[in-house]
Amino acid sequence: MASIIVQNGRMSFKVDKGELKDGKAYLRTISMTGVKGDADPDALADVASKLEVILDGIVEAVHLVRNEVLVY
């Protein structure tokens, strides 16, 4: 019988730094690794909102990459 094992993942934050280049907003990407793969969405949103203050910018998007291993 096969199973899936959830591994640690990564969150990437696209942060608007308030700068313009050629009329487009400049977004900086900051990644955080070692994110608990089975973390609850509300817990991840709480972390993102707190990091927004630390990152000193508007978080335009948060991307979550989860890693899973298929064992068979």
PDB file of N, CA and C in Angstrom:
ATOM      1  N   MET A   1       0.837  -1.182   0.000  1.00  0.00           N
ATOM      2  CA  MET A   1       0.000   0.000   0.000  1.00  0.00           C
ATOM      3  C   MET A   1       0.885   1.250   0.000  1.00  0.00           C
ATOM      4  N   ALA A   2       0.567   2.186  -0.841  1.00  0.00           N
ATOM      5  CA  ALA A   2       1.343   3.426  -0.945  1.00  0.00           C
ATOM      6  C   ALA A   2       0.837   4.454   0.062  1.00  0.00           C
ATOM      7  N   SER A   3       1.714   5.373   0.417  1.00  0.00           N
ATOM      8  CA  SER A   3       1.319   6.467   1.304  1.00  0.00           C
ATOM      9  C   SER A   3       2.101   7.724   0.922  1.00  0.00           C
ATOM     10  N   ILE A   4       1.601   8.860   1.392  1.00  0.00           N
ATOM     11  CA  ILE A   4       2.256  10.129   1.143  1.00  0.00           C
ATOM     12  C   ILE A   4       2.723  10.692   2.477  1.00  0.00           C
ATOM     13  N   ILE A   5       3.993  11.079   2.530  1.00  0.00           N
ATOM     14  CA  ILE A   5       4.569  11.663   3.738  1.00  0.00           C
ATOM     15  C   ILE A   5       4.811  13.141   3.463  1.00  0.00           C
ATOM     16  N   VAL A   6       4.245  13.995   4.311  1.00  0.00           N
ATOM     17  CA  VAL A   6       4.391  15.443   4.153  1.00  0.00           C
ATOM     18  C   VAL A   6       5.737  15.880   4.724  1.00  0.00           C
ATOM     19  N   GLN A   7       6.479  16.639   3.933  1.00  0.00           N
ATOM     20  CA  GLN A   7       7.783  17.156   4.335  1.00  0.00           C
ATOM     21  C   GLN A   7       7.668  18.657   4.618  1.00  0.00           C
ATOM     22  N   ASN A   8       8.736  19.235   5.138  1.00  0.00           N
ATOM     23  CA  ASN A   8       8.772  20.684   5.320  1.00  0.00           C
ATOM     24  C   ASN A   8       8.675  21.380   3.974  1.00  0.00           C
ATOM     25  N   GLY A   9       8.111  22.584   3.974  1.00  0.00           N
ATOM     26  CA  GLY A   9       7.930  23.329   2.745  1.00  0.00           C
ATOM     27  C   GLY A   9       8.619  24.683   2.785  1.00  0.00           C
ATOM     28  N   ARG A  10       8.165  25.597   1.908  1.00  0.00           N
ATOM     29  CA  ARG A  10       8.760  26.928   1.803  1.00  0.00           C
ATOM     30  C   ARG A  10       7.653  27.934   1.528  1.00  0.00           C
ATOM     31  N   MET A  11       7.738  29.098   2.153  1.00  0.00           N
ATOM     32  CA  MET A  11       6.830  30.196   1.863  1.00  0.00           C
ATOM     33  C   MET A  11       7.629  31.310   1.227  1.00  0.00           C
ATOM     34  N   SER A  12       7.090  31.880   0.142  1.00  0.00           N
ATOM     35  CA  SER A  12       7.726  33.025  -0.510  1.00  0.00           C
ATOM     36  C   SER A  12       6.792  34.211  -0.408  1.00  0.00           C
ATOM     37  N   PHE A  13       7.327  35.344   0.027  1.00  0.00           N
ATOM     38  CA  PHE A  13       6.556  36.567   0.193  1.00  0.00           C
ATOM     39  C   PHE A  13       6.962  37.551  -0.885  1.00  0.00           C
ATOM     40  N   LYS A  14       6.012  38.031  -1.670  1.00  0.00           N
ATOM     41  CA  LYS A  14       6.273  39.089  -2.651  1.00  0.00           C
ATOM     42  C   LYS A  14       5.916  40.397  -1.961  1.00  0.00           C
ATOM     43  N   VAL A  15       6.930  41.199  -1.668  1.00  0.00           N
ATOM     44  CA  VAL A  15       6.762  42.405  -0.872  1.00  0.00           C
ATOM     45  C   VAL A  15       6.900  43.642  -1.760  1.00  0.00           C
ATOM     46  N   ASP A  16       5.898  44.522  -1.724  1.00  0.00           N
ATOM     47  CA  ASP A  16       5.933  45.793  -2.447  1.00  0.00           C
ATOM     48  C   ASP A  16       6.736  46.777  -1.607  1.00  0.00           C
ATOM     49  N   LYS A  17       7.888  47.190  -2.116  1.00  0.00           N
ATOM     50  CA  LYS A  17       8.770  48.083  -1.362  1.00  0.00           C
ATOM     51  C   LYS A  17       8.475  49.557  -1.629  1.00  0.00           C
ATOM     52  N   GLY A  18       7.413  49.833  -2.409  1.00  0.00           N
ATOM     53  CA  GLY A  18       7.034  51.219  -2.652  1.00  0.00           C
ATOM     54  C   GLY A  18       7.908  51.928  -3.656  1.00  0.00           C
ATOM     55  N   GLU A  19       8.693  51.201  -4.425  1.00  0.00           N
ATOM     56  CA  GLU A  19       9.561  51.798  -5.436  1.00  0.00           C
ATOM     57  C   GLU A  19       8.995  51.515  -6.823  1.00  0.00           C
ATOM     58  N   LEU A  20       9.210  52.424  -7.735  1.00  0.00           N
ATOM     59  CA  LEU A  20       8.762  52.234  -9.109  1.00  0.00           C
ATOM     60  C   LEU A  20       9.961  52.143 -10.037  1.00  0.00           C
ATOM     61  N   LYS A  21       9.886  51.231 -10.990  1.00  0.00           N
ATOM     62  CA  LYS A  21      10.891  51.103 -12.038  1.00  0.00           C
ATOM     63  C   LYS A  21      10.133  51.011 -13.355  1.00  0.00           C
ATOM     64  N   ASP A  22      10.352  51.976 -14.236  1.00  0.00           N
ATOM     65  CA  ASP A  22       9.664  52.017 -15.529  1.00  0.00           C
ATOM     66  C   ASP A  22       8.144  51.973 -15.353  1.00  0.00           C
ATOM     67  N   GLY A  23       7.652  52.641 -14.318  1.00  0.00           N
ATOM     68  CA  GLY A  23       6.220  52.712 -14.085  1.00  0.00           C
ATOM     69  C   GLY A  23       5.609  51.480 -13.435  1.00  0.00           C
ATOM     70  N   LYS A  24       6.425  50.517 -13.063  1.00  0.00           N
ATOM     71  CA  LYS A  24       5.930  49.290 -12.437  1.00  0.00           C
ATOM     72  C   LYS A  24       6.421  49.216 -10.997  1.00  0.00           C
ATOM     73  N   ALA A  25       5.561  48.665 -10.131  1.00  0.00           N
ATOM     74  CA  ALA A  25       5.939  48.510  -8.727  1.00  0.00           C
ATOM     75  C   ALA A  25       7.081  47.503  -8.611  1.00  0.00           C
ATOM     76  N   TYR A  26       8.012  47.820  -7.750  1.00  0.00           N
ATOM     77  CA  TYR A  26       9.145  46.938  -7.510  1.00  0.00           C
ATOM     78  C   TYR A  26       8.780  45.980  -6.382  1.00  0.00           C
ATOM     79  N   LEU A  27       8.744  44.684  -6.691  1.00  0.00           N
ATOM     80  CA  LEU A  27       8.433  43.671  -5.695  1.00  0.00           C
ATOM     81  C   LEU A  27       9.698  42.889  -5.364  1.00  0.00           C
ATOM     82  N   ARG A  28       9.908  42.685  -4.105  1.00  0.00           N
ATOM     83  CA  ARG A  28      11.044  41.898  -3.638  1.00  0.00           C
ATOM     84  C   ARG A  28      10.516  40.570  -3.132  1.00  0.00           C
ATOM     85  N   THR A  29      11.204  39.493  -3.415  1.00  0.00           N
ATOM     86  CA  THR A  29      10.789  38.176  -2.940  1.00  0.00           C
ATOM     87  C   THR A  29      11.667  37.758  -1.768  1.00  0.00           C
ATOM     88  N   ILE A  30      11.014  37.359  -0.695  1.00  0.00           N
ATOM     89  CA  ILE A  30      11.713  36.871   0.488  1.00  0.00           C
ATOM     90  C   ILE A  30      11.166  35.476   0.781  1.00  0.00           C
ATOM     91  N   SER A  31      12.047  34.512   0.949  1.00  0.00           N
ATOM     92  CA  SER A  31      11.613  33.135   1.188  1.00  0.00           C
ATOM     93  C   SER A  31      11.940  32.695   2.602  1.00  0.00           C
ATOM     94  N   MET A  32      11.070  31.860   3.128  1.00  0.00           N
ATOM     95  CA  MET A  32      11.283  31.254   4.431  1.00  0.00           C
ATOM     96  C   MET A  32      11.182  29.743   4.239  1.00  0.00           C
ATOM     97  N   THR A  33      12.222  29.026   4.605  1.00  0.00           N
ATOM     98  CA  THR A  33      12.226  27.578   4.444  1.00  0.00           C
ATOM     99  C   THR A  33      11.933  26.889   5.771  1.00  0.00           C
ATOM    100  N   GLY A  34      11.732  25.600   5.704  1.00  0.00           N
ATOM    101  CA  GLY A  34      11.478  24.816   6.911  1.00  0.00           C
ATOM    102  C   GLY A  34      10.072  24.986   7.459  1.00  0.00           C
ATOM    103  N   VAL A  35       9.124  25.392   6.588  1.00  0.00           N
ATOM    104  CA  VAL A  35       7.741  25.583   7.026  1.00  0.00           C
ATOM    105  C   VAL A  35       7.088  24.209   7.204  1.00  0.00           C
ATOM    106  N   LYS A  36       6.453  24.016   8.335  1.00  0.00           N
ATOM    107  CA  LYS A  36       5.793  22.755   8.648  1.00  0.00           C
ATOM    108  C   LYS A  36       4.810  22.408   7.530  1.00  0.00           C
ATOM    109  N   GLY A  37       5.018  21.284   6.880  1.00  0.00           N
ATOM    110  CA  GLY A  37       4.246  20.910   5.702  1.00  0.00           C
ATOM    111  C   GLY A  37       2.762  20.737   5.926  1.00  0.00           C
ATOM    112  N   ASP A  38       2.370  20.336   7.119  1.00  0.00           N
ATOM    113  CA  ASP A  38       0.945  20.129   7.387  1.00  0.00           C
ATOM    114  C   ASP A  38       0.356  21.252   8.243  1.00  0.00           C
ATOM    115  N   ALA A  39       0.987  22.426   8.185  1.00  0.00           N
ATOM    116  CA  ALA A  39       0.513  23.571   8.971  1.00  0.00           C
ATOM    117  C   ALA A  39      -0.876  24.008   8.513  1.00  0.00           C
ATOM    118  N   ASP A  40      -1.665  24.438   9.442  1.00  0.00           N
ATOM    119  CA  ASP A  40      -3.022  24.926   9.209  1.00  0.00           C
ATOM    120  C   ASP A  40      -2.981  26.253   8.438  1.00  0.00           C
ATOM    121  N   PRO A  41      -3.862  26.467   7.451  1.00  0.00           N
ATOM    122  CA  PRO A  41      -3.867  27.720   6.684  1.00  0.00           C
ATOM    123  C   PRO A  41      -3.999  28.968   7.556  1.00  0.00           C
ATOM    124  N   ASP A  42      -4.794  28.912   8.624  1.00  0.00           N
ATOM    125  CA  ASP A  42      -4.944  30.072   9.507  1.00  0.00           C
ATOM    126  C   ASP A  42      -3.641  30.386  10.233  1.00  0.00           C
ATOM    127  N   ALA A  43      -2.900  29.362  10.614  1.00  0.00           N
ATOM    128  CA  ALA A  43      -1.612  29.572  11.284  1.00  0.00           C
ATOM    129  C   ALA A  43      -0.618  30.205  10.311  1.00  0.00           C
ATOM    130  N   LEU A  44      -0.622  29.755   9.058  1.00  0.00           N
ATOM    131  CA  LEU A  44       0.272  30.335   8.051  1.00  0.00           C
ATOM    132  C   LEU A  44      -0.094  31.785   7.770  1.00  0.00           C
ATOM    133  N   ALA A  45      -1.396  32.088   7.721  1.00  0.00           N
ATOM    134  CA  ALA A  45      -1.846  33.464   7.496  1.00  0.00           C
ATOM    135  C   ALA A  45      -1.435  34.359   8.659  1.00  0.00           C
ATOM    136  N   ASP A  46      -1.470  33.832   9.872  1.00  0.00           N
ATOM    137  CA  ASP A  46      -1.054  34.587  11.048  1.00  0.00           C
ATOM    138  C   ASP A  46       0.431  34.934  10.960  1.00  0.00           C
ATOM    139  N   VAL A  47       1.238  33.967  10.543  1.00  0.00           N
ATOM    140  CA  VAL A  47       2.672  34.212  10.366  1.00  0.00           C
ATOM    141  C   VAL A  47       2.898  35.271   9.288  1.00  0.00           C
ATOM    142  N   ALA A  48       2.169  35.149   8.175  1.00  0.00           N
ATOM    143  CA  ALA A  48       2.324  36.110   7.068  1.00  0.00           C
ATOM    144  C   ALA A  48       1.980  37.524   7.512  1.00  0.00           C
ATOM    145  N   SER A  49       0.913  37.683   8.283  1.00  0.00           N
ATOM    146  CA  SER A  49       0.519  39.031   8.712  1.00  0.00           C
ATOM    147  C   SER A  49       1.534  39.628   9.675  1.00  0.00           C
ATOM    148  N   LYS A  50       2.131  38.805  10.523  1.00  0.00           N
ATOM    149  CA  LYS A  50       3.146  39.304  11.450  1.00  0.00           C
ATOM    150  C   LYS A  50       4.445  39.632  10.718  1.00  0.00           C
ATOM    151  N   LEU A  51       4.784  38.833   9.719  1.00  0.00           N
ATOM    152  CA  LEU A  51       5.995  39.095   8.953  1.00  0.00           C
ATOM    153  C   LEU A  51       5.863  40.346   8.105  1.00  0.00           C
ATOM    154  N   GLU A  52       4.643  40.694   7.702  1.00  0.00           N
ATOM    155  CA  GLU A  52       4.429  41.898   6.908  1.00  0.00           C
ATOM    156  C   GLU A  52       4.948  43.129   7.653  1.00  0.00           C
ATOM    157  N   VAL A  53       4.746  43.152   8.954  1.00  0.00           N
ATOM    158  CA  VAL A  53       5.230  44.267   9.775  1.00  0.00           C
ATOM    159  C   VAL A  53       6.759  44.257   9.816  1.00  0.00           C
ATOM    160  N   ILE A  54       7.329  43.082   9.992  1.00  0.00           N
ATOM    161  CA  ILE A  54       8.785  42.962  10.063  1.00  0.00           C
ATOM    162  C   ILE A  54       9.426  43.310   8.723  1.00  0.00           C
ATOM    163  N   LEU A  55       8.792  42.907   7.623  1.00  0.00           N
ATOM    164  CA  LEU A  55       9.351  43.136   6.286  1.00  0.00           C
ATOM    165  C   LEU A  55       9.212  44.585   5.843  1.00  0.00           C
ATOM    166  N   ASP A  56       8.429  45.375   6.582  1.00  0.00           N
ATOM    167  CA  ASP A  56       8.276  46.808   6.317  1.00  0.00           C
ATOM    168  C   ASP A  56       7.822  47.086   4.887  1.00  0.00           C
ATOM    169  N   GLY A  57       6.782  46.419   4.484  1.00  0.00           N
ATOM    170  CA  GLY A  57       6.218  46.635   3.154  1.00  0.00           C
ATOM    171  C   GLY A  57       4.881  45.937   3.046  1.00  0.00           C
ATOM    172  N   ILE A  58       4.209  46.158   1.927  1.00  0.00           N
ATOM    173  CA  ILE A  58       2.927  45.514   1.698  1.00  0.00           C
ATOM    174  C   ILE A  58       3.178  44.168   1.039  1.00  0.00           C
ATOM    175  N   VAL A  59       2.697  43.102   1.656  1.00  0.00           N
ATOM    176  CA  VAL A  59       2.846  41.775   1.073  1.00  0.00           C
ATOM    177  C   VAL A  59       1.778  41.609   0.007  1.00  0.00           C
ATOM    178  N   GLU A  60       2.208  41.556  -1.254  1.00  0.00           N
ATOM    179  CA  GLU A  60       1.294  41.437  -2.385  1.00  0.00           C
ATOM    180  C   GLU A  60       0.798  40.008  -2.555  1.00  0.00           C
ATOM    181  N   ALA A  61       1.646  39.034  -2.256  1.00  0.00           N
ATOM    182  CA  ALA A  61       1.270  37.632  -2.440  1.00  0.00           C
ATOM    183  C   ALA A  61       2.136  36.752  -1.557  1.00  0.00           C
ATOM    184  N   VAL A  62       1.583  35.638  -1.154  1.00  0.00           N
ATOM    185  CA  VAL A  62       2.325  34.635  -0.406  1.00  0.00           C
ATOM    186  C   VAL A  62       2.165  33.314  -1.154  1.00  0.00           C
ATOM    187  N   HIS A  63       3.280  32.712  -1.529  1.00  0.00           N
ATOM    188  CA  HIS A  63       3.246  31.425  -2.208  1.00  0.00           C
ATOM    189  C   HIS A  63       3.751  30.363  -1.250  1.00  0.00           C
ATOM    190  N   LEU A  64       3.034  29.268  -1.181  1.00  0.00           N
ATOM    191  CA  LEU A  64       3.398  28.163  -0.308  1.00  0.00           C
ATOM    192  C   LEU A  64       3.731  26.958  -1.174  1.00  0.00           C
ATOM    193  N   VAL A  65       4.921  26.399  -0.987  1.00  0.00           N
ATOM    194  CA  VAL A  65       5.322  25.188  -1.698  1.00  0.00           C
ATOM    195  C   VAL A  65       5.422  24.087  -0.657  1.00  0.00           C
ATOM    196  N   ARG A  66       4.608  23.065  -0.846  1.00  0.00           N
ATOM    197  CA  ARG A  66       4.644  21.924   0.070  1.00  0.00           C
ATOM    198  C   ARG A  66       5.305  20.757  -0.628  1.00  0.00           C
ATOM    199  N   ASN A  67       6.130  20.054   0.078  1.00  0.00           N
ATOM    200  CA  ASN A  67       6.818  18.887  -0.459  1.00  0.00           C
ATOM    201  C   ASN A  67       6.208  17.639   0.143  1.00  0.00           C
ATOM    202  N   GLU A  68       5.908  16.690  -0.717  1.00  0.00           N
ATOM    203  CA  GLU A  68       5.370  15.421  -0.276  1.00  0.00           C
ATOM    204  C   GLU A  68       6.163  14.294  -0.931  1.00  0.00           C
ATOM    205  N   VAL A  69       6.348  13.214  -0.214  1.00  0.00           N
ATOM    206  CA  VAL A  69       7.076  12.064  -0.730  1.00  0.00           C
ATOM    207  C   VAL A  69       6.115  10.902  -0.834  1.00  0.00           C
ATOM    208  N   LEU A  70       6.083  10.289  -2.016  1.00  0.00           N
ATOM    209  CA  LEU A  70       5.250   9.105  -2.224  1.00  0.00           C
ATOM    210  C   LEU A  70       6.081   7.878  -1.871  1.00  0.00           C
ATOM    211  N   VAL A  71       5.601   7.115  -0.927  1.00  0.00           N
ATOM    212  CA  VAL A  71       6.286   5.895  -0.504  1.00  0.00           C
ATOM    213  C   VAL A  71       5.455   4.718  -0.988  1.00  0.00           C
ATOM    214  N   TYR A  72       6.103   3.817  -1.724  1.00  0.00           N
ATOM    215  CA  TYR A  72       5.357   2.645  -2.219  1.00  0.00           C
ATOM    216  C   TYR A  72       6.183   1.399  -2.106  1.00  0.00           C
TER     217      TYR A  72
END
